[in-house]
C-alpha atoms as a PDB file:
ATOM      1  CA  MET A   1      63.136  23.581  41.882  1.00  0.00           C
ATOM      2  CA  ALA A   2      62.611  25.935  44.719  1.00  0.00           C
ATOM      3  CA  ALA A   3      62.101  29.434  43.425  1.00  0.00           C
ATOM      4  CA  PRO A   4      65.249  31.616  44.205  1.00  0.00           C
ATOM      5  CA  MET A   5      65.749  34.039  46.751  1.00  0.00           C
ATOM      6  CA  GLU A   6      65.125  37.417  45.436  1.00  0.00           C
ATOM      7  CA  LEU A   7      67.154  40.610  46.271  1.00  0.00           C
ATOM      8  CA  PHE A   8      65.842  44.127  45.973  1.00  0.00           C
ATOM      9  CA  CYS A   9      68.698  47.124  45.707  1.00  0.00           C
ATOM     10  CA  TRP A  10      69.788  50.113  44.461  1.00  0.00           C
ATOM     11  CA  ALA A  11      70.374  50.360  40.891  1.00  0.00           C
ATOM     12  CA  GLY A  12      73.996  51.052  39.667  1.00  0.00           C
ATOM     13  CA  GLY A  13      76.120  53.623  38.385  1.00  0.00           C
ATOM     14  CA  TRP A  14      79.982  55.055  38.811  1.00  0.00           C
ATOM     15  CA  GLY A  15      80.599  51.352  36.981  1.00  0.00           C
ATOM     16  CA  LEU A  16      79.221  49.628  40.002  1.00  0.00           C
ATOM     17  CA  PRO A  17      76.601  47.146  40.070  1.00  0.00           C
ATOM     18  CA  SER A  18      74.825  49.419  43.096  1.00  0.00           C
ATOM     19  CA  VAL A  19      75.843  52.668  44.379  1.00  0.00           C
ATOM     20  CA  ASP A  20      74.651  51.876  47.798  1.00  0.00           C
ATOM     21  CA  PRO A  21      77.551  50.185  50.143  1.00  0.00           C
ATOM     22  CA  ASP A  22      75.232  47.746  51.778  1.00  0.00           C
ATOM     23  CA  CYS A  23      73.597  47.245  48.658  1.00  0.00           C
ATOM     24  CA  LEU A  24      76.830  46.184  47.113  1.00  0.00           C
ATOM     25  CA  ALA A  25      78.305  44.578  49.872  1.00  0.00           C
ATOM     26  CA  VAL A  26      75.222  41.836  49.997  1.00  0.00           C
ATOM     27  CA  LEU A  27      75.576  41.940  46.168  1.00  0.00           C
ATOM     28  CA  THR A  28      79.286  41.280  46.323  1.00  0.00           C
ATOM     29  CA  TYR A  29      78.858  38.330  49.178  1.00  0.00           C
ATOM     30  CA  ALA A  30      76.709  36.927  46.896  1.00  0.00           C
ATOM     31  CA  ARG A  31      78.604  36.631  44.077  1.00  0.00           C
ATOM     32  CA  PHE A  32      81.673  35.473  45.691  1.00  0.00           C
ATOM     33  CA  THR A  33      79.766  32.564  47.360  1.00  0.00           C
ATOM     34  CA  GLY A  34      77.278  32.056  43.771  1.00  0.00           C
ATOM     35  CA  ALA A  35      74.076  32.196  45.627  1.00  0.00           C
ATOM     36  CA  PRO A  36      71.182  31.889  43.409  1.00  0.00           C
ATOM     37  CA  LEU A  37      69.079  35.090  43.424  1.00  0.00           C
ATOM     38  CA  LYS A  38      66.759  36.962  41.593  1.00  0.00           C
ATOM     39  CA  VAL A  39      68.213  40.402  41.601  1.00  0.00           C
ATOM     40  CA  HIS A  40      65.954  43.926  40.863  1.00  0.00           C
ATOM     41  CA  ARG A  41      68.236  46.735  40.641  1.00  0.00           C
ATOM     42  CA  VAL A  42      65.256  49.736  41.479  1.00  0.00           C
ATOM     43  CA  THR A  43      65.358  53.623  41.701  1.00  0.00           C
ATOM     44  CA  SER A  44      63.189  53.862  44.581  1.00  0.00           C
ATOM     45  CA  PRO A  45      62.852  52.029  48.405  1.00  0.00           C
ATOM     46  CA  TRP A  46      59.295  52.924  47.988  1.00  0.00           C
ATOM     47  CA  ARG A  47      59.671  49.523  45.307  1.00  0.00           C
ATOM     48  CA  SER A  48      61.071  46.909  47.552  1.00  0.00           C
ATOM     49  CA  PRO A  49      58.321  45.170  49.850  1.00  0.00           C
ATOM     50  CA  SER A  50      60.085  46.776  53.271  1.00  0.00           C
ATOM     51  CA  GLY A  51      60.405  49.628  52.317  1.00  0.00           C
ATOM     52  CA  HIS A  52      64.236  49.550  52.391  1.00  0.00           C
ATOM     53  CA  LEU A  53      66.731  48.556  50.622  1.00  0.00           C
ATOM     54  CA  PRO A  54      68.640  46.032  50.529  1.00  0.00           C
ATOM     55  CA  ALA A  55      65.415  43.735  51.175  1.00  0.00           C
ATOM     56  CA  LEU A  56      65.868  39.838  50.574  1.00  0.00           C
ATOM     57  CA  ARG A  57      62.607  38.088  49.934  1.00  0.00           C
ATOM     58  CA  THR A  58      62.713  34.745  50.743  1.00  0.00           C
ATOM     59  CA  ARG A  59      60.412  31.635  50.807  1.00  0.00           C
ATOM     60  CA  ASP A  60      60.363  30.841  54.332  1.00  0.00           C
ATOM     61  CA  GLU A  61      61.519  33.482  56.524  1.00  0.00           C
ATOM     62  CA  GLY A  62      59.935  36.411  54.814  1.00  0.00           C
ATOM     63  CA  ILE A  63      61.518  39.648  53.677  1.00  0.00           C
ATOM     64  CA  ILE A  64      64.739  40.644  55.530  1.00  0.00           C
ATOM     65  CA  SER A  65      66.195  44.242  55.193  1.00  0.00           C
ATOM     66  CA  LYS A  66      69.069  44.843  57.135  1.00  0.00           C
ATOM     67  CA  PRO A  67      72.962  43.847  55.468  1.00  0.00           C
ATOM     68  CA  GLN A  68      74.393  41.629  58.092  1.00  0.00           C
ATOM     69  CA  GLN A  69      71.009  39.732  58.620  1.00  0.00           C
ATOM     70  CA  ILE A  70      70.330  38.882  54.462  1.00  0.00           C
ATOM     71  CA  ILE A  71      74.492  37.794  55.130  1.00  0.00           C
ATOM     72  CA  THR A  72      73.594  35.425  57.813  1.00  0.00           C
ATOM     73  CA  HIS A  73      70.467  34.258  56.293  1.00  0.00           C
ATOM     74  CA  LEU A  74      72.867  33.263  53.111  1.00  0.00           C
ATOM     75  CA  ARG A  75      75.299  31.337  55.279  1.00  0.00           C
ATOM     76  CA  LYS A  76      72.142  29.489  56.742  1.00  0.00           C
ATOM     77  CA  GLN A  77      71.664  28.663  53.187  1.00  0.00           C
ATOM     78  CA  LYS A  78      75.569  27.120  52.532  1.00  0.00           C
ATOM     79  CA  TYR A  79      76.240  29.984  50.857  1.00  0.00           C
ATOM     80  CA  ASN A  80      79.492  30.886  53.689  1.00  0.00           C
ATOM     81  CA  ALA A  81      82.179  32.677  52.326  1.00  0.00           C
ATOM     82  CA  ASP A  82      84.009  32.145  55.649  1.00  0.00           C
ATOM     83  CA  TYR A  83      83.870  28.947  55.815  1.00  0.00           C
ATOM     84  CA  ASP A  84      87.409  28.204  55.034  1.00  0.00           C
ATOM     85  CA  LEU A  85      88.566  31.014  57.564  1.00  0.00           C
ATOM     86  CA  SER A  86      91.187  29.794  60.886  1.00  0.00           C
ATOM     87  CA  ALA A  87      90.458  30.928  63.947  1.00  0.00           C
ATOM     88  CA  THR A  88      92.996  33.703  63.612  1.00  0.00           C
ATOM     89  CA  GLN A  89      91.280  35.099  60.183  1.00  0.00           C
ATOM     90  CA  SER A  90      88.395  34.643  61.918  1.00  0.00           C
ATOM     91  CA  ALA A  91      89.733  37.093  64.642  1.00  0.00           C
ATOM     92  CA  ASP A  92      91.182  39.666  62.432  1.00  0.00           C
ATOM     93  CA  THR A  93      87.911  40.012  60.471  1.00  0.00           C
ATOM     94  CA  LEU A  94      85.755  40.943  62.973  1.00  0.00           C
ATOM     95  CA  ALA A  95      88.486  43.585  64.124  1.00  0.00           C
ATOM     96  CA  PHE A  96      88.736  44.638  60.614  1.00  0.00           C
ATOM     97  CA  VAL A  97      85.228  45.119  60.555  1.00  0.00           C
ATOM     98  CA  SER A  98      85.306  47.348  63.812  1.00  0.00           C
ATOM     99  CA  LEU A  99      88.014  49.014  62.488  1.00  0.00           C
ATOM    100  CA  LEU A 100      85.976  50.092  59.030  1.00  0.00           C
ATOM    101  CA  GLU A 101      82.721  50.784  60.876  1.00  0.00           C
ATOM    102  CA  GLU A 102      84.247  52.667  63.296  1.00  0.00           C
ATOM    103  CA  LYS A 103      86.693  54.904  61.338  1.00  0.00           C
ATOM    104  CA  LEU A 104      85.896  54.881  57.811  1.00  0.00           C
ATOM    105  CA  LEU A 105      81.866  54.677  57.371  1.00  0.00           C
ATOM    106  CA  PRO A 106      81.406  57.906  59.316  1.00  0.00           C
ATOM    107  CA  VAL A 107      83.728  59.527  56.936  1.00  0.00           C
ATOM    108  CA  LEU A 108      82.296  58.161  54.144  1.00  0.00           C
ATOM    109  CA  ILE A 109      78.821  59.278  54.962  1.00  0.00           C
ATOM    110  CA  HIS A 110      80.379  62.709  55.188  1.00  0.00           C
ATOM    111  CA  THR A 111      82.314  62.404  52.276  1.00  0.00           C
ATOM    112  CA  PHE A 112      78.998  61.999  50.124  1.00  0.00           C
ATOM    113  CA  TRP A 113      75.926  63.201  51.948  1.00  0.00           C
ATOM    114  CA  VAL A 114      77.537  66.371  54.452  1.00  0.00           C
ATOM    115  CA  ASP A 115      79.930  67.772  52.506  1.00  0.00           C
ATOM    116  CA  ALA A 116      77.987  70.060  50.917  1.00  0.00           C
ATOM    117  CA  LYS A 117      79.728  70.200  47.602  1.00  0.00           C
ATOM    118  CA  ASN A 118      80.203  66.523  46.907  1.00  0.00           C
ATOM    119  CA  TYR A 119      76.287  66.329  48.320  1.00  0.00           C
ATOM    120  CA  VAL A 120      75.054  69.287  45.539  1.00  0.00           C
ATOM    121  CA  GLU A 121      76.578  68.350  42.381  1.00  0.00           C
ATOM    122  CA  HIS A 122      77.231  64.501  42.832  1.00  0.00           C
ATOM    123  CA  THR A 123      74.991  62.330  45.107  1.00  0.00           C
ATOM    124  CA  ARG A 124      72.040  64.732  45.197  1.00  0.00           C
ATOM    125  CA  LYS A 125      72.676  64.667  41.843  1.00  0.00           C
ATOM    126  CA  TRP A 126      72.780  61.364  40.778  1.00  0.00           C
ATOM    127  CA  TYR A 127      69.841  60.310  42.839  1.00  0.00           C
ATOM    128  CA  ALA A 128      67.234  63.401  41.737  1.00  0.00           C
ATOM    129  CA  GLU A 129      68.303  61.904  38.312  1.00  0.00           C
ATOM    130  CA  THR A 130      67.901  58.591  39.339  1.00  0.00           C
ATOM    131  CA  ILE A 131      65.096  58.114  41.425  1.00  0.00           C
ATOM    132  CA  PRO A 132      61.431  58.528  39.384  1.00  0.00           C
ATOM    133  CA  PHE A 133      59.393  61.596  39.311  1.00  0.00           C
ATOM    134  CA  PRO A 134      57.730  62.987  41.505  1.00  0.00           C
ATOM    135  CA  LEU A 135      59.932  61.310  44.518  1.00  0.00           C
ATOM    136  CA  ASN A 136      63.005  62.597  43.170  1.00  0.00           C
ATOM    137  CA  PHE A 137      61.650  66.316  44.338  1.00  0.00           C
ATOM    138  CA  PHE A 138      61.615  65.215  48.104  1.00  0.00           C
ATOM    139  CA  LEU A 139      63.697  61.573  48.449  1.00  0.00           C
ATOM    140  CA  PRO A 140      67.632  63.174  48.137  1.00  0.00           C
ATOM    141  CA  ASN A 141      66.658  65.700  50.768  1.00  0.00           C
ATOM    142  CA  ALA A 142      64.848  62.820  53.381  1.00  0.00           C
ATOM    143  CA  MET A 143      68.000  60.517  52.752  1.00  0.00           C
ATOM    144  CA  HIS A 144      70.179  63.648  53.026  1.00  0.00           C
ATOM    145  CA  LYS A 145      68.589  64.182  56.557  1.00  0.00           C
ATOM    146  CA  ARG A 146      68.942  60.824  57.979  1.00  0.00           C
ATOM    147  CA  HIS A 147      72.600  60.413  56.938  1.00  0.00           C
ATOM    148  CA  LEU A 148      73.109  63.243  58.720  1.00  0.00           C
ATOM    149  CA  GLU A 149      71.069  62.364  61.700  1.00  0.00           C
ATOM    150  CA  ARG A 150      72.956  59.094  61.769  1.00  0.00           C
ATOM    151  CA  LEU A 151      76.784  60.989  61.705  1.00  0.00           C
ATOM    152  CA  GLN A 152      75.750  63.200  64.575  1.00  0.00           C
ATOM    153  CA  LEU A 153      74.682  59.884  66.376  1.00  0.00           C
ATOM    154  CA  ILE A 154      78.198  58.115  65.520  1.00  0.00           C
ATOM    155  CA  TRP A 155      80.048  61.802  66.612  1.00  0.00           C
ATOM    156  CA  GLY A 156      77.952  62.918  69.463  1.00  0.00           C
ATOM    157  CA  ASP A 157      77.551  66.369  70.491  1.00  0.00           C
ATOM    158  CA  ASP A 158      81.314  67.179  69.798  1.00  0.00           C
ATOM    159  CA  TYR A 159      80.306  67.562  66.237  1.00  0.00           C
ATOM    160  CA  MET A 160      78.402  70.579  66.558  1.00  0.00           C
ATOM    161  CA  GLU A 161      80.762  72.163  69.246  1.00  0.00           C
ATOM    162  CA  ASP A 162      83.574  72.367  67.052  1.00  0.00           C
ATOM    163  CA  GLU A 163      82.432  70.617  63.800  1.00  0.00           C
ATOM    164  CA  GLU A 164      85.954  71.787  61.660  1.00  0.00           C
ATOM    165  CA  LYS A 165      88.482  70.886  64.097  1.00  0.00           C
ATOM    166  CA  LEU A 166      86.653  66.959  64.058  1.00  0.00           C
ATOM    167  CA  GLU A 167      86.186  66.456  61.038  1.00  0.00           C
ATOM    168  CA  LYS A 168      89.830  67.006  60.384  1.00  0.00           C
ATOM    169  CA  GLU A 169      91.046  64.715  62.814  1.00  0.00           C
ATOM    170  CA  LEU A 170      88.471  62.028  61.392  1.00  0.00           C
ATOM    171  CA  TYR A 171      89.389  62.422  58.015  1.00  0.00           C
ATOM    172  CA  ARG A 172      92.815  61.746  59.435  1.00  0.00           C
ATOM    173  CA  GLU A 173      92.045  58.203  61.131  1.00  0.00           C
ATOM    174  CA  ALA A 174      90.216  57.556  57.890  1.00  0.00           C
ATOM    175  CA  ARG A 175      93.497  58.063  56.107  1.00  0.00           C
ATOM    176  CA  GLU A 176      94.945  55.941  58.355  1.00  0.00           C
ATOM    177  CA  CYS A 177      92.501  52.920  57.979  1.00  0.00           C
ATOM    178  CA  LEU A 178      93.278  53.058  54.256  1.00  0.00           C
ATOM    179  CA  THR A 179      96.847  52.941  54.665  1.00  0.00           C
ATOM    180  CA  LEU A 180      96.328  50.171  57.013  1.00  0.00           C
ATOM    181  CA  LEU A 181      94.117  48.502  54.922  1.00  0.00           C
ATOM    182  CA  SER A 182      96.573  48.553  51.963  1.00  0.00           C
ATOM    183  CA  GLN A 183      99.263  47.382  54.508  1.00  0.00           C
ATOM    184  CA  ARG A 184      97.214  44.052  55.519  1.00  0.00           C
ATOM    185  CA  LEU A 185      96.495  43.280  52.121  1.00  0.00           C
ATOM    186  CA  GLY A 186      99.470  44.054  50.459  1.00  0.00           C
ATOM    187  CA  SER A 187     100.146  41.899  47.345  1.00  0.00           C
ATOM    188  CA  GLN A 188      97.555  39.653  48.051  1.00  0.00           C
ATOM    189  CA  LYS A 189      94.706  38.865  45.679  1.00  0.00           C
ATOM    190  CA  PHE A 190      92.634  38.925  48.716  1.00  0.00           C
ATOM    191  CA  PHE A 191      92.861  40.041  52.208  1.00  0.00           C
ATOM    192  CA  PHE A 192      92.971  36.362  53.412  1.00  0.00           C
ATOM    193  CA  GLY A 193      94.396  34.674  49.999  1.00  0.00           C
ATOM    194  CA  ASP A 194      93.134  33.455  46.876  1.00  0.00           C
ATOM    195  CA  SER A 195      89.520  33.237  47.755  1.00  0.00           C
ATOM    196  CA  PRO A 196      87.271  36.037  48.747  1.00  0.00           C
ATOM    197  CA  ALA A 197      86.103  36.190  52.384  1.00  0.00           C
ATOM    198  CA  SER A 198      83.144  38.249  53.642  1.00  0.00           C
ATOM    199  CA  LEU A 199      85.729  40.996  54.859  1.00  0.00           C
ATOM    200  CA  ASP A 200      86.547  41.104  51.242  1.00  0.00           C
ATOM    201  CA  ALA A 201      82.886  42.242  50.542  1.00  0.00           C
ATOM    202  CA  LEU A 202      82.590  44.785  52.937  1.00  0.00           C
ATOM    203  CA  VAL A 203      85.772  46.462  52.510  1.00  0.00           C
ATOM    204  CA  PHE A 204      85.319  46.753  48.800  1.00  0.00           C
ATOM    205  CA  SER A 205      81.316  47.920  49.226  1.00  0.00           C
ATOM    206  CA  ARG A 206      83.000  50.679  50.983  1.00  0.00           C
ATOM    207  CA  LEU A 207      86.330  51.170  48.698  1.00  0.00           C
ATOM    208  CA  ALA A 208      84.664  50.726  45.226  1.00  0.00           C
ATOM    209  CA  PRO A 209      82.386  53.818  45.587  1.00  0.00           C
ATOM    210  CA  LEU A 210      84.747  56.250  46.955  1.00  0.00           C
ATOM    211  CA  LEU A 211      87.059  55.017  44.018  1.00  0.00           C
ATOM    212  CA  LYS A 212      84.785  55.581  41.137  1.00  0.00           C
ATOM    213  CA  ALA A 213      82.538  58.082  42.089  1.00  0.00           C
ATOM    214  CA  LYS A 214      83.488  61.702  40.385  1.00  0.00           C
ATOM    215  CA  LEU A 215      83.572  63.648  43.302  1.00  0.00           C
ATOM    216  CA  PRO A 216      84.140  67.539  43.275  1.00  0.00           C
ATOM    217  CA  ASN A 217      85.484  66.917  46.670  1.00  0.00           C
ATOM    218  CA  GLY A 218      87.959  64.656  46.704  1.00  0.00           C
ATOM    219  CA  LYS A 219      90.520  64.872  49.650  1.00  0.00           C
ATOM    220  CA  LEU A 220      89.533  61.198  50.985  1.00  0.00           C
ATOM    221  CA  GLN A 221      89.723  60.016  47.369  1.00  0.00           C
ATOM    222  CA  GLN A 222      92.642  61.174  46.262  1.00  0.00           C
ATOM    223  CA  HIS A 223      94.750  58.991  49.436  1.00  0.00           C
ATOM    224  CA  LEU A 224      92.734  56.066  48.086  1.00  0.00           C
ATOM    225  CA  LYS A 225      94.370  56.410  44.769  1.00  0.00           C
ATOM    226  CA  SER A 226      97.430  56.893  45.935  1.00  0.00           C
ATOM    227  CA  LEU A 227      97.264  53.277  47.508  1.00  0.00           C
ATOM    228  CA  GLN A 228      97.690  51.517  44.139  1.00  0.00           C
ATOM    229  CA  ASN A 229      97.141  47.974  45.413  1.00  0.00           C
ATOM    230  CA  LEU A 230      93.652  49.088  47.067  1.00  0.00           C
ATOM    231  CA  CYS A 231      92.715  50.504  43.702  1.00  0.00           C
ATOM    232  CA  ASN A 232      93.618  47.160  41.558  1.00  0.00           C
ATOM    233  CA  TYR A 233      91.882  44.991  44.499  1.00  0.00           C
ATOM    234  CA  CYS A 234      88.468  47.185  43.869  1.00  0.00           C
ATOM    235  CA  THR A 235      89.362  46.953  39.812  1.00  0.00           C
ATOM    236  CA  SER A 236      89.937  43.167  40.248  1.00  0.00           C
ATOM    237  CA  ILE A 237      87.434  42.350  41.402  1.00  0.00           C
ATOM    238  CA  LEU A 238      84.696  44.102  39.200  1.00  0.00           C
ATOM    239  CA  SER A 239      86.335  42.629  36.354  1.00  0.00           C
ATOM    240  CA  LEU A 240      86.025  39.343  37.702  1.00  0.00           C
ATOM    241  CA  TYR A 241      82.181  39.191  39.800  1.00  0.00           C
ATOM    242  CA  PHE A 242      80.450  41.783  37.870  1.00  0.00           C
ATOM    243  CA  PRO A 243      81.827  42.090  34.741  1.00  0.00           C
ATOM    244  CA  TRP A 244      78.252  42.175  33.306  1.00  0.00           C
ATOM    245  CA  ASP A 245      77.623  44.894  35.733  1.00  0.00           C
ATOM    246  CA  GLY A 246      79.973  47.868  35.351  1.00  0.00           C
ATOM    247  CA  GLY A 247      83.530  45.763  35.203  1.00  0.00           C
ATOM    248  CA  ASP A 248      85.520  45.424  32.372  1.00  0.00           C
ATOM    249  CA  PRO A 249      84.986  41.297  31.335  1.00  0.00           C
ATOM    250  CA  LEU A 250      87.415  39.170  31.725  1.00  0.00           C
ATOM    251  CA  THR A 251      88.013  36.486  28.769  1.00  0.00           C
ATOM    252  CA  GLY A 252      86.890  33.236  30.127  1.00  0.00           C
ATOM    253  CA  VAL A 253      85.471  33.917  33.235  1.00  0.00           C
ATOM    254  CA  PRO A 254      82.502  32.206  33.778  1.00  0.00           C
ATOM    255  CA  ARG A 255      79.760  34.332  35.282  1.00  0.00           C
ATOM    256  CA  ALA A 256      78.662  33.654  38.640  1.00  0.00           C
ATOM    257  CA  ALA A 257      76.049  30.757  39.867  1.00  0.00           C
ATOM    258  CA  GLY A 258      72.339  32.143  39.881  1.00  0.00           C
ATOM    259  CA  THR A 259      72.944  35.047  38.175  1.00  0.00           C
ATOM    260  CA  ASP A 260      71.871  33.872  34.272  1.00  0.00           C
ATOM    261  CA  GLY A 261      69.829  36.343  33.086  1.00  0.00           C
ATOM    262  CA  SER A 262      68.257  36.290  36.599  1.00  0.00           C
ATOM    263  CA  GLU A 263      68.531  40.100  37.180  1.00  0.00           C
ATOM    264  CA  ALA A 264      66.795  41.504  33.927  1.00  0.00           C
ATOM    265  CA  GLU A 265      63.002  39.229  34.621  1.00  0.00           C
ATOM    266  CA  GLU A 266      59.806  41.494  34.446  1.00  0.00           C
ATOM    267  CA  ASP A 267      58.403  42.813  37.904  1.00  0.00           C
ATOM    268  CA  PRO A 268      54.561  41.347  37.581  1.00  0.00           C
ATOM    269  CA  HIS A 269      53.368  44.592  39.501  1.00  0.00           C
ATOM    270  CA  LYS A 270      54.831  47.258  37.085  1.00  0.00           C
ATOM    271  CA  ARG A 271      51.999  48.304  35.950  1.00  0.00           C
ATOM    272  CA  ARG A 272      50.102  48.815  39.095  1.00  0.00           C
ATOM    273  CA  LYS A 273      53.644  50.865  40.130  1.00  0.00           C
ATOM    274  CA  GLN A 274      53.375  53.112  36.957  1.00  0.00           C
ATOM    275  CA  LEU A 275      49.616  54.035  38.062  1.00  0.00           C
ATOM    276  CA  LEU A 276      50.291  54.652  41.475  1.00  0.00           C
ATOM    277  CA  SER A 277      53.051  56.526  40.237  1.00  0.00           C
ATOM    278  CA  VAL A 278      51.231  58.808  37.976  1.00  0.00           C
ATOM    279  CA  LEU A 279      48.701  59.483  40.826  1.00  0.00           C
ATOM    280  CA  VAL A 280      51.125  60.416  43.437  1.00  0.00           C
ATOM    281  CA  GLY A 281      52.534  62.728  40.999  1.00  0.00           C
ATOM    282  CA  LEU A 282      49.154  64.225  39.952  1.00  0.00           C
ATOM    283  CA  VAL A 283      48.136  65.229  43.633  1.00  0.00           C
ATOM    284  CA  ALA A 284      51.495  66.283  44.340  1.00  0.00           C
ATOM    285  CA  MET A 285      51.361  68.663  41.210  1.00  0.00           C
ATOM    286  CA  LEU A 286      47.947  69.810  42.025  1.00  0.00           C
ATOM    287  CA  GLY A 287      49.173  70.450  45.982  1.00  0.00           C
ATOM    288  CA  TYR A 288      51.518  72.421  44.709  1.00  0.00           C
ATOM    289  CA  ALA A 289      49.296  74.697  42.641  1.00  0.00           C
ATOM    290  CA  PHE A 290      47.110  74.807  45.438  1.00  0.00           C
ATOM    291  CA  LEU A 291      50.083  76.197  48.160  1.00  0.00           C
ATOM    292  CA  SER A 292      51.263  78.561  45.597  1.00  0.00           C
ATOM    293  CA  GLY A 293      48.555  80.527  44.454  1.00  0.00           C
ATOM    294  CA  ILE A 294      48.933  79.290  40.998  1.00  0.00           C
ATOM    295  CA  VAL A 295      45.067  77.511  41.257  1.00  0.00           C
ATOM    296  CA  SER A 296      42.435  78.553  43.493  1.00  0.00           C
ATOM    297  CA  ILE A 297      38.590  78.041  43.657  1.00  0.00           C
ATOM    298  CA  GLN A 298      36.392  80.575  42.962  1.00  0.00           C
ATOM    299  CA  ARG A 299      32.685  80.861  43.161  1.00  0.00           C
ATOM    300  CA  GLY A 300      30.917  81.362  40.523  1.00  0.00           C
ATOM    301  CA  SER A 301      30.648  79.962  36.980  1.00  0.00           C
ATOM    302  CA  VAL A 302      33.817  79.665  35.068  1.00  0.00           C
ATOM    303  CA  GLY A 303      34.496  79.482  31.356  1.00  0.00           C
ATOM    304  CA  PRO A 304      36.293  76.274  30.183  1.00  0.00           C
ATOM    305  CA  ALA A 305      40.100  77.178  29.733  1.00  0.00           C
ATOM    306  CA  GLY A 306      42.472  75.214  28.068  1.00  0.00           C
ATOM    307  CA  ARG A 307      44.323  72.619  29.556  1.00  0.00           C
ATOM    308  CA  GLN A 308      48.192  72.369  30.250  1.00  0.00           C
ATOM    309  CA  PRO A 309      49.202  68.336  29.190  1.00  0.00           C
ATOM    310  CA  ILE A 310      51.219  67.150  32.129  1.00  0.00           C
ATOM    311  CA  THR A 311      54.175  64.731  31.251  1.00  0.00           C
ATOM    312  CA  LEU A 312      55.386  62.195  33.197  1.00  0.00           C
ATOM    313  CA  GLU A 313      58.626  59.822  33.154  1.00  0.00           C
ATOM    314  CA  GLU A 314      57.927  56.323  33.437  1.00  0.00           C
ATOM    315  CA  GLU A 315      60.615  54.912  35.701  1.00  0.00           C
ATOM    316  CA  GLU A 316      63.057  52.442  35.125  1.00  0.00           C
ATOM    317  CA  GLU A 317      61.994  48.936  36.683  1.00  0.00           C
ATOM    318  CA  GLU A 318      65.354  47.473  36.396  1.00  0.00           C
ATOM    319  CA  GLU A 319      68.882  47.526  34.913  1.00  0.00           C
ATOM    320  CA  GLU A 320      69.421  45.354  31.998  1.00  0.00           C
ATOM    321  CA  GLU A 321      72.109  43.049  31.852  1.00  0.00           C
END
């Protein structure tokens, strides 16, 4: 039997199988289609074979890092959630994907990564507590910088000219986008009936973090919570497809194919990575000590001095199911 494909993604939190929207989109699409994946939920992109998350390790095409390319690869392997869609439904998918990327995604980035209160008290706090030492000292700030640059690239030069006015307009458009999604879903189980499609994976991956996160500043979150069918939609997907990953299990719902225990296997390189983490930590602490003047090099003989033991936290390899 061929080895299963391996997916590396951010670990879960907030009652979700992964807190990262891109990772969540790929995980959800895989569950929809029953793609046999061996999932590694990791707490640092350094533990991904590509240095980015998500990342899919395949037998034939090597490492694939971009979410849409991962989904395309799964389709090539005959795990296609859109196989039964009509031409009209396929066109609707493209239109809604464009709407989500243009109107909703930038505001989600702003909500989690730019809004000062949300970033400091929620987003940065979670990543700083989850990422292993010493990477938790600088990785959250590096991620914050990348998201800010991405947002400025999307919004253009107008963002710097009148930030408050632009934010107000874009939050208004994001609320309209959520309302439109609610109207399009109506009372259906999924956007195209009783079976999930790739659009459902994308919508869920954008809405679920916003719904489940405990944000201090939740102006967009409150609008989502007022749209009951979208809230029920997210809760239903969690219960049906991720009952062991954060959702409440439903009686009699079978586990998706290809996920029977394979998500909790031990990483064969765990010991090497732990050693690397220790070495990086020692270098970081020594560098800080020298730069801050706590430790200095002096000429002449120095008598023996007591040593302060250094304790390193052991990083979590994967989230057990």
